[in-house]
Amino acid sequence: MTVIGSGTSAEGDQWALSSEGTVRDPLTMLEVRTPTGHHSKGGYGGPPLSPGLRLDTYTGHDDECPDQIILRVADDVDALIVTLSDGRRVEVTLFPDPTHPGVRLAAFVYPRNLDIHRIDLLDVGGHLLSDRLSRDS
């Protein structure tokens, strides 16, 4: 397992995003530890991005840990901004996917009492990108 990124949520939850497997059988995992010592680990495999999509996500939570999301995006995405139900907008760090050139990975850990209302994908110029790939995007 290769840790490709880590961080701490605004609420103090420590997280580590890792990748393992092969190009044909990748696995992206997110491990979270709360300030009170609770631990959660989850993830998903499959193709780096579904055909025709610029964004794929996997969400998870358990009874003790905060909600969490793993995001896979196309490499033309320069910034990823998550808007929560309390209005907070957070730019999420993007990491290269070690098993798939052209794909970036991100993780976001947020309080269980909030929902993700929006995920914005921006290009290098700050323009909004569609979550679907097309000739016109």
C-alpha atoms as a PDB file:
ATOM      1  CA  MET A   1       0.000   0.000   0.000  1.00  0.00           C
ATOM      2  CA  THR A   2       1.352   3.411  -0.987  1.00  0.00           C
ATOM      3  CA  VAL A   3       0.199   6.488   0.921  1.00  0.00           C
ATOM      4  CA  ILE A   4      -0.288   9.218  -1.665  1.00  0.00           C
ATOM      5  CA  GLY A   5      -1.681  11.955   0.567  1.00  0.00           C
ATOM      6  CA  SER A   6      -2.688  12.742   4.108  1.00  0.00           C
ATOM      7  CA  GLY A   7      -4.156  15.551   6.125  1.00  0.00           C
ATOM      8  CA  THR A   8      -6.289  16.704   9.003  1.00  0.00           C
ATOM      9  CA  SER A   9      -9.919  17.811   8.718  1.00  0.00           C
ATOM     10  CA  ALA A  10     -11.131  21.093  10.205  1.00  0.00           C
ATOM     11  CA  GLU A  11     -12.493  19.042  13.112  1.00  0.00           C
ATOM     12  CA  GLY A  12      -9.130  17.368  13.816  1.00  0.00           C
ATOM     13  CA  ASP A  13      -9.703  14.001  12.114  1.00  0.00           C
ATOM     14  CA  GLN A  14      -6.481  12.636  10.628  1.00  0.00           C
ATOM     15  CA  TRP A  15      -6.739  10.870   7.291  1.00  0.00           C
ATOM     16  CA  ALA A  16      -4.476   9.020   4.854  1.00  0.00           C
ATOM     17  CA  LEU A  17      -5.294   8.269   1.218  1.00  0.00           C
ATOM     18  CA  SER A  18      -3.534   5.262  -0.247  1.00  0.00           C
ATOM     19  CA  SER A  19      -3.357   3.323  -3.469  1.00  0.00           C
ATOM     20  CA  GLU A  20      -2.562  -0.295  -4.060  1.00  0.00           C
ATOM     21  CA  GLY A  21      -3.052  -2.889  -6.735  1.00  0.00           C
ATOM     22  CA  THR A  22      -2.176  -2.724 -10.397  1.00  0.00           C
ATOM     23  CA  VAL A  23      -3.205  -0.750 -13.453  1.00  0.00           C
ATOM     24  CA  ARG A  24      -5.745  -3.476 -14.219  1.00  0.00           C
ATOM     25  CA  ASP A  25      -6.936  -3.874 -10.632  1.00  0.00           C
ATOM     26  CA  PRO A  26      -6.431  -0.616  -8.683  1.00  0.00           C
ATOM     27  CA  LEU A  27      -7.664  -0.028  -5.149  1.00  0.00           C
ATOM     28  CA  THR A  28      -7.970   3.396  -3.520  1.00  0.00           C
ATOM     29  CA  MET A  29      -8.332   3.421   0.276  1.00  0.00           C
ATOM     30  CA  LEU A  30      -9.044   6.107   2.879  1.00  0.00           C
ATOM     31  CA  GLU A  31      -8.133   5.601   6.528  1.00  0.00           C
ATOM     32  CA  VAL A  32      -9.493   8.026   9.156  1.00  0.00           C
ATOM     33  CA  ARG A  33      -8.660   8.390  12.849  1.00  0.00           C
ATOM     34  CA  THR A  34     -10.672  10.782  15.024  1.00  0.00           C
ATOM     35  CA  PRO A  35      -9.220  12.863  17.888  1.00  0.00           C
ATOM     36  CA  THR A  36     -10.967  10.448  20.284  1.00  0.00           C
ATOM     37  CA  GLY A  37      -9.176   7.452  18.730  1.00  0.00           C
ATOM     38  CA  HIS A  38     -11.936   5.941  16.582  1.00  0.00           C
ATOM     39  CA  HIS A  39     -10.683   4.382  13.361  1.00  0.00           C
ATOM     40  CA  SER A  40     -12.300   3.797   9.978  1.00  0.00           C
ATOM     41  CA  LYS A  41     -10.966   2.407   6.709  1.00  0.00           C
ATOM     42  CA  GLY A  42     -12.730   1.982   3.396  1.00  0.00           C
ATOM     43  CA  GLY A  43     -12.216   2.276  -0.304  1.00  0.00           C
ATOM     44  CA  TYR A  44     -13.004   1.051  -3.758  1.00  0.00           C
ATOM     45  CA  GLY A  45     -11.485  -0.523  -6.826  1.00  0.00           C
ATOM     46  CA  GLY A  46     -12.362  -0.665 -10.454  1.00  0.00           C
ATOM     47  CA  PRO A  47     -11.391   1.498 -13.394  1.00  0.00           C
ATOM     48  CA  PRO A  48      -9.827   4.854 -12.537  1.00  0.00           C
ATOM     49  CA  LEU A  49     -12.752   6.711 -14.123  1.00  0.00           C
ATOM     50  CA  SER A  50     -16.001   5.443 -15.556  1.00  0.00           C
ATOM     51  CA  PRO A  51     -16.188   5.863 -19.333  1.00  0.00           C
ATOM     52  CA  GLY A  52     -17.262   9.360 -20.313  1.00  0.00           C
ATOM     53  CA  LEU A  53     -16.881  10.805 -16.816  1.00  0.00           C
ATOM     54  CA  ARG A  54     -14.433  13.341 -15.435  1.00  0.00           C
ATOM     55  CA  LEU A  55     -15.378  12.539 -11.796  1.00  0.00           C
ATOM     56  CA  ASP A  56     -15.967   9.314  -9.848  1.00  0.00           C
ATOM     57  CA  THR A  57     -16.649   9.173  -6.112  1.00  0.00           C
ATOM     58  CA  TYR A  58     -16.903   6.713  -3.263  1.00  0.00           C
ATOM     59  CA  THR A  59     -18.501   7.730   0.033  1.00  0.00           C
ATOM     60  CA  GLY A  60     -18.352   6.026   3.379  1.00  0.00           C
ATOM     61  CA  HIS A  61     -18.938   6.376   7.101  1.00  0.00           C
ATOM     62  CA  ASP A  62     -19.477   4.290  10.173  1.00  0.00           C
ATOM     63  CA  ASP A  63     -21.163   4.822  13.542  1.00  0.00           C
ATOM     64  CA  GLU A  64     -18.220   6.629  15.151  1.00  0.00           C
ATOM     65  CA  CYS A  65     -16.182   8.351  12.442  1.00  0.00           C
ATOM     66  CA  PRO A  66     -17.000  11.343  10.267  1.00  0.00           C
ATOM     67  CA  ASP A  67     -18.325  11.030   6.724  1.00  0.00           C
ATOM     68  CA  GLN A  68     -15.720  10.692   4.025  1.00  0.00           C
ATOM     69  CA  ILE A  69     -15.426  10.768   0.268  1.00  0.00           C
ATOM     70  CA  ILE A  70     -12.747   9.572  -2.137  1.00  0.00           C
ATOM     71  CA  LEU A  71     -12.716  11.393  -5.469  1.00  0.00           C
ATOM     72  CA  ARG A  72     -11.065  10.389  -8.746  1.00  0.00           C
ATOM     73  CA  VAL A  73     -10.847  13.085 -11.421  1.00  0.00           C
ATOM     74  CA  ALA A  74      -9.409  13.510 -14.898  1.00  0.00           C
ATOM     75  CA  ASP A  75      -6.083  15.310 -15.050  1.00  0.00           C
ATOM     76  CA  ASP A  76      -7.577  18.376 -16.785  1.00  0.00           C
ATOM     77  CA  VAL A  77      -9.130  19.225 -13.400  1.00  0.00           C
ATOM     78  CA  ASP A  78      -6.856  21.787 -11.743  1.00  0.00           C
ATOM     79  CA  ALA A  79      -8.993  22.474  -8.655  1.00  0.00           C
ATOM     80  CA  LEU A  80     -11.776  20.659  -6.843  1.00  0.00           C
ATOM     81  CA  ILE A  81     -14.085  22.569  -4.492  1.00  0.00           C
ATOM     82  CA  VAL A  82     -16.581  20.879  -2.172  1.00  0.00           C
ATOM     83  CA  THR A  83     -19.534  22.886  -0.814  1.00  0.00           C
ATOM     84  CA  LEU A  84     -21.100  21.572   2.390  1.00  0.00           C
ATOM     85  CA  SER A  85     -24.665  22.060   3.593  1.00  0.00           C
ATOM     86  CA  ASP A  86     -23.505  24.722   6.096  1.00  0.00           C
ATOM     87  CA  GLY A  87     -22.219  26.824   3.165  1.00  0.00           C
ATOM     88  CA  ARG A  88     -18.545  26.060   3.789  1.00  0.00           C
ATOM     89  CA  ARG A  89     -16.519  25.792   0.565  1.00  0.00           C
ATOM     90  CA  VAL A  90     -13.319  23.773   0.767  1.00  0.00           C
ATOM     91  CA  GLU A  91     -10.689  23.382  -1.933  1.00  0.00           C
ATOM     92  CA  VAL A  92      -9.529  19.781  -1.761  1.00  0.00           C
ATOM     93  CA  THR A  93      -5.919  18.815  -2.526  1.00  0.00           C
ATOM     94  CA  LEU A  94      -5.445  16.698  -5.646  1.00  0.00           C
ATOM     95  CA  PHE A  95      -2.793  13.962  -5.789  1.00  0.00           C
ATOM     96  CA  PRO A  96      -1.513  12.065  -8.850  1.00  0.00           C
ATOM     97  CA  ASP A  97      -2.769   8.487  -9.120  1.00  0.00           C
ATOM     98  CA  PRO A  98       0.360   6.299  -9.073  1.00  0.00           C
ATOM     99  CA  THR A  99      -1.352   3.505 -11.023  1.00  0.00           C
ATOM    100  CA  HIS A 100      -3.060   5.627 -13.699  1.00  0.00           C
ATOM    101  CA  PRO A 101      -1.417   8.523 -15.530  1.00  0.00           C
ATOM    102  CA  GLY A 102      -4.044  11.107 -16.379  1.00  0.00           C
ATOM    103  CA  VAL A 103      -6.022  10.610 -13.160  1.00  0.00           C
ATOM    104  CA  ARG A 104      -5.875  12.526  -9.893  1.00  0.00           C
ATOM    105  CA  LEU A 105      -7.146  11.440  -6.483  1.00  0.00           C
ATOM    106  CA  ALA A 106      -8.516  13.382  -3.523  1.00  0.00           C
ATOM    107  CA  ALA A 107     -10.105  12.714  -0.149  1.00  0.00           C
ATOM    108  CA  PHE A 108     -12.397  14.818   2.008  1.00  0.00           C
ATOM    109  CA  VAL A 109     -13.465  14.134   5.609  1.00  0.00           C
ATOM    110  CA  TYR A 110     -16.403  16.123   7.010  1.00  0.00           C
ATOM    111  CA  PRO A 111     -18.820  16.102   9.969  1.00  0.00           C
ATOM    112  CA  ARG A 112     -21.632  13.542   9.943  1.00  0.00           C
ATOM    113  CA  ASN A 113     -24.262  16.245  10.496  1.00  0.00           C
ATOM    114  CA  LEU A 114     -23.403  17.902   7.152  1.00  0.00           C
ATOM    115  CA  ASP A 115     -24.037  16.913   3.552  1.00  0.00           C
ATOM    116  CA  ILE A 116     -22.103  17.589   0.388  1.00  0.00           C
ATOM    117  CA  HIS A 117     -24.240  19.978  -1.625  1.00  0.00           C
ATOM    118  CA  ARG A 118     -21.921  20.511  -4.560  1.00  0.00           C
ATOM    119  CA  ILE A 119     -18.608  19.456  -6.083  1.00  0.00           C
ATOM    120  CA  ASP A 120     -17.086  21.942  -8.519  1.00  0.00           C
ATOM    121  CA  LEU A 121     -14.345  20.957 -10.949  1.00  0.00           C
ATOM    122  CA  LEU A 122     -12.241  23.827 -12.279  1.00  0.00           C
ATOM    123  CA  ASP A 123      -9.695  23.978 -15.083  1.00  0.00           C
ATOM    124  CA  VAL A 124      -6.353  25.784 -14.895  1.00  0.00           C
ATOM    125  CA  GLY A 125      -8.077  29.053 -15.865  1.00  0.00           C
ATOM    126  CA  GLY A 126     -10.613  28.730 -13.047  1.00  0.00           C
ATOM    127  CA  HIS A 127     -13.472  27.852 -15.393  1.00  0.00           C
ATOM    128  CA  LEU A 128     -16.105  25.352 -14.297  1.00  0.00           C
ATOM    129  CA  LEU A 129     -15.822  21.917 -15.942  1.00  0.00           C
ATOM    130  CA  SER A 130     -18.624  19.436 -16.450  1.00  0.00           C
ATOM    131  CA  ASP A 131     -18.353  16.118 -14.631  1.00  0.00           C
ATOM    132  CA  ARG A 132     -18.861  14.460 -18.030  1.00  0.00           C
ATOM    133  CA  LEU A 133     -16.257  14.316 -20.756  1.00  0.00           C
ATOM    134  CA  SER A 134     -17.347  15.507 -24.168  1.00  0.00           C
ATOM    135  CA  ARG A 135     -15.823  17.011 -27.258  1.00  0.00           C
ATOM    136  CA  ASP A 136     -17.148  20.393 -26.154  1.00  0.00           C
ATOM    137  CA  SER A 137     -15.923  20.280 -22.526  1.00  0.00           C
END
